[in-house]
Amino acid sequence: MQSLYKSETGKAEILNLYNQKLKGLNINYQYQDVETSFGTTNVIIVGDASKPPILIVHGSNGCAPIALETYSGLEVHFQVFAVDVVAQPNKSAETRLSMKNDDYGKWLHEVIDNFKLKNVTLAGFSFGGLVILKALEFKDTNIKEVFLTAPAYLVNGNPLKALFKVFIPMKRYIKTKKVKFVERFLNELFTEKDAFAIEFLSKVFLHFKMDFSPVPIIKTQAAKAIKTSITLIAAKNDLMFPGEKMIKRANKIFPSLKKVILLDQSKHVQNSVDNKRIVNLIHVDFK
């Protein structure tokens, strides 16, 4: 299988930043490799095994340490399982899965089953939301409830806006290696400036073969078949997956929709204040 990294040097630079982010979190953790039919999956486990389990899923071109920072504080109330999604710039296998079938759902259930997790809560952001919804489509078994923040797979934004404000700056950075284009890209997506995201994605854009496949939309029939409780957190100023459009569709297609929140001041990627609000929401709702 051909590597998704363009060079071993580039891979080493990306994984070095991965390790820096994890170390900077100042948390006690353990790694565990899970063998799945889609390749080895790296999982970072944080918190006491006597507490209820929660599995968190990062967004596109991300990694488990970023998810642990996003959902910081959950480890006080849960045992947290942060997965490195396969075929992303992290420590899991480089097996590219299709967003059109149930591969992501099968993969995530294999991870859940490996740990023998029962009534696990799932929380995911952006592409992580797609992964979680794919898991619910595949089967509801052992999943207690889910929390989706600005998830992919429900609606898409204006493709022309995405082209000019996101993809063209990305391509210009790849061609020129001028960081100002990464900053321009991130300014459209991030509510607050994130120095690590600039550094990490600067490496990813140059050294990793990203998946530019169109993001599909969940079919109404599949959504109506989901019985697991869903809490949806949408972002009003989300260029990729517009919040108000998302909420309107979610209310129509999910009979198991428990709660909906619109973050009025948020772009696609939330700021630290909203992240804390989401963590508190998960904890309070669980109780």
Protein backbone atom coordinates (compact mmCIF):
# COMPACT_ATOMS: atom_id res chain seq x y z
CA MET A 1 0.00 0.00 0.00
CA GLN A 2 1.35 3.40 -1.01
CA SER A 3 1.91 5.76 1.91
CA LEU A 4 -0.30 8.81 2.38
CA TYR A 5 2.81 10.74 3.41
CA LYS A 6 4.81 12.26 0.59
CA SER A 7 8.10 11.55 2.37
CA GLU A 8 9.44 9.95 5.54
CA THR A 9 10.86 13.33 6.55
CA GLY A 10 7.44 14.98 6.22
CA LYS A 11 5.83 12.18 8.22
CA ALA A 12 8.39 12.61 10.98
CA GLU A 13 7.72 16.37 11.12
CA ILE A 14 3.96 15.84 11.43
CA LEU A 15 4.28 13.16 14.11
CA ASN A 16 6.76 15.31 16.02
CA LEU A 17 4.09 18.02 16.24
CA TYR A 18 1.58 15.35 17.28
CA ASN A 19 3.88 14.40 20.17
CA GLN A 20 4.44 18.04 21.11
CA LYS A 21 0.69 18.70 21.31
CA LEU A 22 0.12 15.60 23.44
CA LYS A 23 2.96 16.49 25.80
CA GLY A 24 1.68 20.06 26.10
CA LEU A 25 -1.67 18.85 27.40
CA ASN A 26 0.02 17.78 30.66
CA ILE A 27 -2.26 14.79 31.21
CA ASN A 28 -1.70 11.21 32.28
CA TYR A 29 -2.48 8.89 29.41
CA GLN A 30 -1.78 5.52 27.88
CA TYR A 31 -1.56 4.40 24.27
CA GLN A 32 -3.25 1.30 22.96
CA ASP A 33 -3.10 -0.07 19.43
CA VAL A 34 -6.30 -1.72 18.25
CA GLU A 35 -6.17 -4.18 15.36
CA THR A 36 -9.12 -3.70 13.02
CA SER A 37 -9.96 -5.05 9.59
CA PHE A 38 -8.96 -1.62 8.27
CA GLY A 39 -5.54 -1.61 9.93
CA THR A 40 -4.07 -0.65 13.28
CA THR A 41 -5.89 2.15 15.13
CA ASN A 42 -4.08 4.17 17.77
CA VAL A 43 -6.16 5.15 20.79
CA ILE A 44 -5.15 7.46 23.64
CA ILE A 45 -6.89 6.61 26.92
CA VAL A 46 -7.27 9.18 29.69
CA GLY A 47 -9.06 8.95 33.03
CA ASP A 48 -10.24 6.39 35.53
CA ALA A 49 -11.57 3.05 34.25
CA SER A 50 -14.24 3.09 36.97
CA LYS A 51 -15.93 6.09 35.29
CA PRO A 52 -18.34 5.85 32.35
CA PRO A 53 -16.69 5.65 28.91
CA ILE A 54 -16.73 8.35 26.27
CA LEU A 55 -15.07 8.05 22.87
CA ILE A 56 -14.06 11.25 21.08
CA VAL A 57 -13.39 11.67 17.36
CA HIS A 58 -11.33 14.48 15.82
CA GLY A 59 -11.98 16.35 12.58
CA SER A 60 -10.44 16.10 9.13
CA ASN A 61 -6.64 16.41 8.93
CA GLY A 62 -6.51 16.09 12.70
CA CYS A 63 -5.43 13.75 15.45
CA ALA A 64 -6.37 12.48 18.91
CA PRO A 65 -4.35 15.09 20.86
CA ILE A 66 -6.35 17.86 19.17
CA ALA A 67 -9.59 16.14 20.21
CA LEU A 68 -8.30 15.81 23.78
CA GLU A 69 -7.63 19.55 23.86
CA THR A 70 -11.04 20.34 22.32
CA TYR A 71 -12.83 18.19 24.91
CA SER A 72 -10.51 19.02 27.79
CA GLY A 73 -12.24 18.43 31.13
CA LEU A 74 -14.20 15.34 30.15
CA GLU A 75 -11.54 13.19 31.84
CA VAL A 76 -12.78 14.47 35.22
CA HIS A 77 -16.12 12.73 34.70
CA PHE A 78 -15.37 9.99 32.14
CA GLN A 79 -12.76 7.57 30.99
CA VAL A 80 -11.89 9.13 27.64
CA PHE A 81 -10.93 7.14 24.54
CA ALA A 82 -9.49 9.49 21.91
CA VAL A 83 -9.10 7.73 18.56
CA ASP A 84 -6.73 8.53 15.74
CA VAL A 85 -8.97 8.16 12.69
CA VAL A 86 -7.38 5.98 10.01
CA ALA A 87 -5.97 7.68 6.90
CA GLN A 88 -5.44 10.98 8.73
CA PRO A 89 -2.12 12.61 9.69
CA ASN A 90 -1.67 10.72 12.94
CA LYS A 91 -0.50 7.36 14.33
CA SER A 92 -3.19 5.07 12.91
CA ALA A 93 -3.06 3.01 9.71
CA GLU A 94 -3.03 4.82 6.38
CA THR A 95 -5.95 2.83 4.95
CA ARG A 96 -8.20 5.21 3.01
CA LEU A 97 -11.87 4.46 3.68
CA SER A 98 -14.82 5.53 1.57
CA MET A 99 -17.33 8.06 2.86
CA LYS A 100 -19.95 6.57 0.52
CA ASN A 101 -20.34 3.18 2.24
CA ASP A 102 -20.38 1.92 5.84
CA ASP A 103 -16.60 1.43 6.25
CA TYR A 104 -16.25 4.20 8.84
CA GLY A 105 -19.15 2.77 10.82
CA LYS A 106 -17.69 -0.73 10.79
CA TRP A 107 -14.26 0.61 11.75
CA LEU A 108 -15.52 2.60 14.75
CA HIS A 109 -17.58 -0.33 16.04
CA GLU A 110 -14.51 -2.56 15.82
CA VAL A 111 -12.70 -0.08 18.06
CA ILE A 112 -15.63 0.05 20.51
CA ASP A 113 -15.89 -3.75 20.55
CA ASN A 114 -12.16 -4.15 21.15
CA PHE A 115 -12.48 -2.32 24.48
CA LYS A 116 -15.74 -4.13 25.27
CA LEU A 117 -17.40 -0.77 25.85
CA LYS A 118 -21.07 -0.84 26.82
CA ASN A 119 -23.35 2.20 26.69
CA VAL A 120 -20.49 4.36 25.46
CA THR A 121 -21.08 8.05 24.74
CA LEU A 122 -19.62 9.39 21.49
CA ALA A 123 -18.56 12.98 20.84
CA GLY A 124 -17.12 14.27 17.60
CA PHE A 125 -16.37 17.44 15.68
CA SER A 126 -16.71 18.09 11.94
CA PHE A 127 -15.51 14.99 10.07
CA GLY A 128 -15.66 13.18 13.41
CA GLY A 129 -19.41 13.77 13.29
CA LEU A 130 -19.61 11.97 9.96
CA VAL A 131 -17.71 9.02 11.44
CA ILE A 132 -20.12 8.86 14.39
CA LEU A 133 -23.23 9.09 12.19
CA LYS A 134 -21.81 6.31 10.00
CA ALA A 135 -21.43 4.21 13.16
CA LEU A 136 -25.08 4.86 14.08
CA GLU A 137 -26.19 3.94 10.56
CA PHE A 138 -24.25 0.69 10.77
CA LYS A 139 -25.74 -0.33 14.14
CA ASP A 140 -26.86 1.30 17.40
CA THR A 141 -25.38 -1.44 19.59
CA ASN A 142 -23.47 -0.31 22.72
CA ILE A 143 -23.84 3.42 21.97
CA LYS A 144 -25.68 5.35 24.72
CA GLU A 145 -25.90 8.77 23.08
CA VAL A 146 -23.91 11.08 20.81
CA PHE A 147 -22.85 14.73 20.77
CA LEU A 148 -22.08 16.20 17.36
CA THR A 149 -20.40 19.58 16.96
CA ALA A 150 -20.53 21.21 13.50
CA PRO A 151 -20.70 17.74 11.97
CA ALA A 152 -20.10 16.86 8.35
CA TYR A 153 -22.66 14.64 6.61
CA LEU A 154 -25.81 16.66 7.38
CA VAL A 155 -25.58 19.66 5.04
CA ASN A 156 -22.92 21.34 2.93
CA GLY A 157 -22.17 25.01 2.50
CA ASN A 158 -21.87 27.07 -0.67
CA PRO A 159 -19.24 25.32 -2.85
CA LEU A 160 -18.09 28.55 -4.49
CA LYS A 161 -17.43 30.18 -1.12
CA ALA A 162 -15.51 27.10 -0.02
CA LEU A 163 -13.50 27.16 -3.24
CA PHE A 164 -12.40 30.79 -2.99
CA LYS A 165 -12.07 31.11 0.79
CA VAL A 166 -10.68 27.68 1.69
CA PHE A 167 -9.35 25.57 -1.15
CA ILE A 168 -7.65 28.24 -3.27
CA PRO A 169 -5.66 29.65 -0.28
CA MET A 170 -4.67 26.06 0.57
CA LYS A 171 -3.45 25.42 -2.97
CA ARG A 172 -1.61 28.76 -3.03
CA TYR A 173 0.19 27.82 0.16
CA ILE A 174 1.21 24.45 -1.29
CA LYS A 175 2.60 26.24 -4.35
CA THR A 176 4.32 29.17 -2.60
CA LYS A 177 4.90 27.85 0.96
CA LYS A 178 3.89 31.30 2.24
CA VAL A 179 2.26 30.88 5.67
CA LYS A 180 -0.01 33.88 5.08
CA PHE A 181 -2.17 31.62 2.90
CA VAL A 182 -2.58 29.09 5.71
CA GLU A 183 -3.56 31.95 8.03
CA ARG A 184 -6.06 33.21 5.44
CA PHE A 185 -7.56 29.71 5.17
CA LEU A 186 -7.81 29.29 8.94
CA ASN A 187 -9.29 32.75 9.46
CA GLU A 188 -12.33 31.63 7.48
CA LEU A 189 -12.80 28.48 9.57
CA PHE A 190 -11.50 29.23 13.07
CA THR A 191 -13.36 31.44 15.53
CA GLU A 192 -10.11 32.32 17.29
CA LYS A 193 -6.51 32.15 16.09
CA ASP A 194 -4.79 28.84 16.82
CA ALA A 195 -0.98 28.85 16.58
CA PHE A 196 -0.71 25.07 16.68
CA ALA A 197 -3.25 24.67 13.86
CA ILE A 198 -1.16 27.00 11.69
CA GLU A 199 1.99 25.00 12.37
CA PHE A 200 0.39 21.56 12.09
CA LEU A 201 -1.65 22.21 8.95
CA SER A 202 1.33 23.92 7.29
CA LYS A 203 3.08 20.56 7.51
CA VAL A 204 -0.01 18.50 6.61
CA PHE A 205 -0.74 20.53 3.46
CA LEU A 206 2.82 20.02 2.23
CA HIS A 207 3.55 16.47 3.30
CA PHE A 208 0.24 14.55 3.47
CA LYS A 209 -2.03 13.35 0.67
CA MET A 210 -5.38 14.76 1.77
CA ASP A 211 -8.75 13.35 0.76
CA PHE A 212 -10.59 15.87 -1.41
CA SER A 213 -13.58 13.62 -2.07
CA PRO A 214 -16.93 15.45 -1.88
CA VAL A 215 -18.55 15.07 1.53
CA PRO A 216 -21.81 13.11 1.13
CA ILE A 217 -25.09 13.84 2.89
CA ILE A 218 -26.93 11.31 5.05
CA LYS A 219 -30.10 10.03 3.41
CA THR A 220 -33.37 10.87 5.15
CA GLN A 221 -34.38 7.21 5.39
CA ALA A 222 -31.11 6.30 7.11
CA ALA A 223 -31.42 9.21 9.55
CA LYS A 224 -34.98 8.28 10.47
CA ALA A 225 -33.84 4.75 11.35
CA ILE A 226 -31.40 5.99 14.02
CA LYS A 227 -32.73 5.46 17.53
CA THR A 228 -29.76 6.69 19.58
CA SER A 229 -30.16 10.06 21.29
CA ILE A 230 -28.45 12.88 19.37
CA THR A 231 -27.40 16.30 20.68
CA LEU A 232 -26.43 18.68 17.87
CA ILE A 233 -24.25 21.75 18.36
CA ALA A 234 -24.19 23.89 15.20
CA ALA A 235 -22.20 27.03 14.39
CA LYS A 236 -24.06 30.00 12.90
CA ASN A 237 -21.08 31.33 10.91
CA ASP A 238 -19.88 27.94 9.68
CA LEU A 239 -18.70 28.25 6.09
CA MET A 240 -18.44 24.49 5.55
CA PHE A 241 -21.64 23.27 7.24
CA PRO A 242 -23.93 26.27 7.94
CA GLY A 243 -25.52 26.04 11.37
CA GLU A 244 -29.06 27.26 10.69
CA LYS A 245 -29.35 25.12 7.57
CA MET A 246 -28.04 22.15 9.56
CA ILE A 247 -30.53 22.57 12.40
CA LYS A 248 -33.44 22.91 9.97
CA ARG A 249 -32.59 19.61 8.29
CA ALA A 250 -31.74 17.80 11.53
CA ASN A 251 -35.15 18.65 12.97
CA LYS A 252 -36.79 17.10 9.90
CA ILE A 253 -34.82 13.88 9.62
CA PHE A 254 -33.78 12.77 13.14
CA PRO A 255 -36.61 11.39 15.31
CA SER A 256 -34.03 10.80 18.07
CA LEU A 257 -32.83 14.42 18.16
CA LYS A 258 -32.69 15.27 21.86
CA LYS A 259 -31.29 18.79 21.91
CA VAL A 260 -30.10 21.45 19.45
CA ILE A 261 -27.80 24.38 20.19
CA LEU A 262 -26.75 27.14 17.79
CA LEU A 263 -23.48 28.87 18.63
CA ASP A 264 -24.27 32.42 17.48
CA GLN A 265 -20.69 33.72 17.38
CA SER A 266 -18.91 30.62 16.12
CA LYS A 267 -17.26 29.80 12.83
CA HIS A 268 -16.64 26.16 11.90
CA VAL A 269 -14.02 25.61 14.61
CA GLN A 270 -15.18 26.74 18.05
CA ASN A 271 -13.19 28.89 20.45
CA SER A 272 -12.08 27.74 23.89
CA VAL A 273 -15.12 29.27 25.61
CA ASP A 274 -17.56 27.32 23.44
CA ASN A 275 -15.47 24.15 23.85
CA LYS A 276 -15.85 24.44 27.63
CA ARG A 277 -19.58 25.00 27.17
CA ILE A 278 -19.80 21.80 25.10
CA VAL A 279 -17.84 19.79 27.67
CA ASN A 280 -20.15 21.03 30.43
CA LEU A 281 -23.18 20.18 28.30
CA ILE A 282 -21.97 16.60 27.83
CA HIS A 283 -21.31 16.18 31.56
CA VAL A 284 -24.63 17.68 32.68
CA ASP A 285 -26.67 15.79 30.09
CA PHE A 286 -25.00 12.52 31.05
CA LYS A 287 -26.05 12.94 34.68
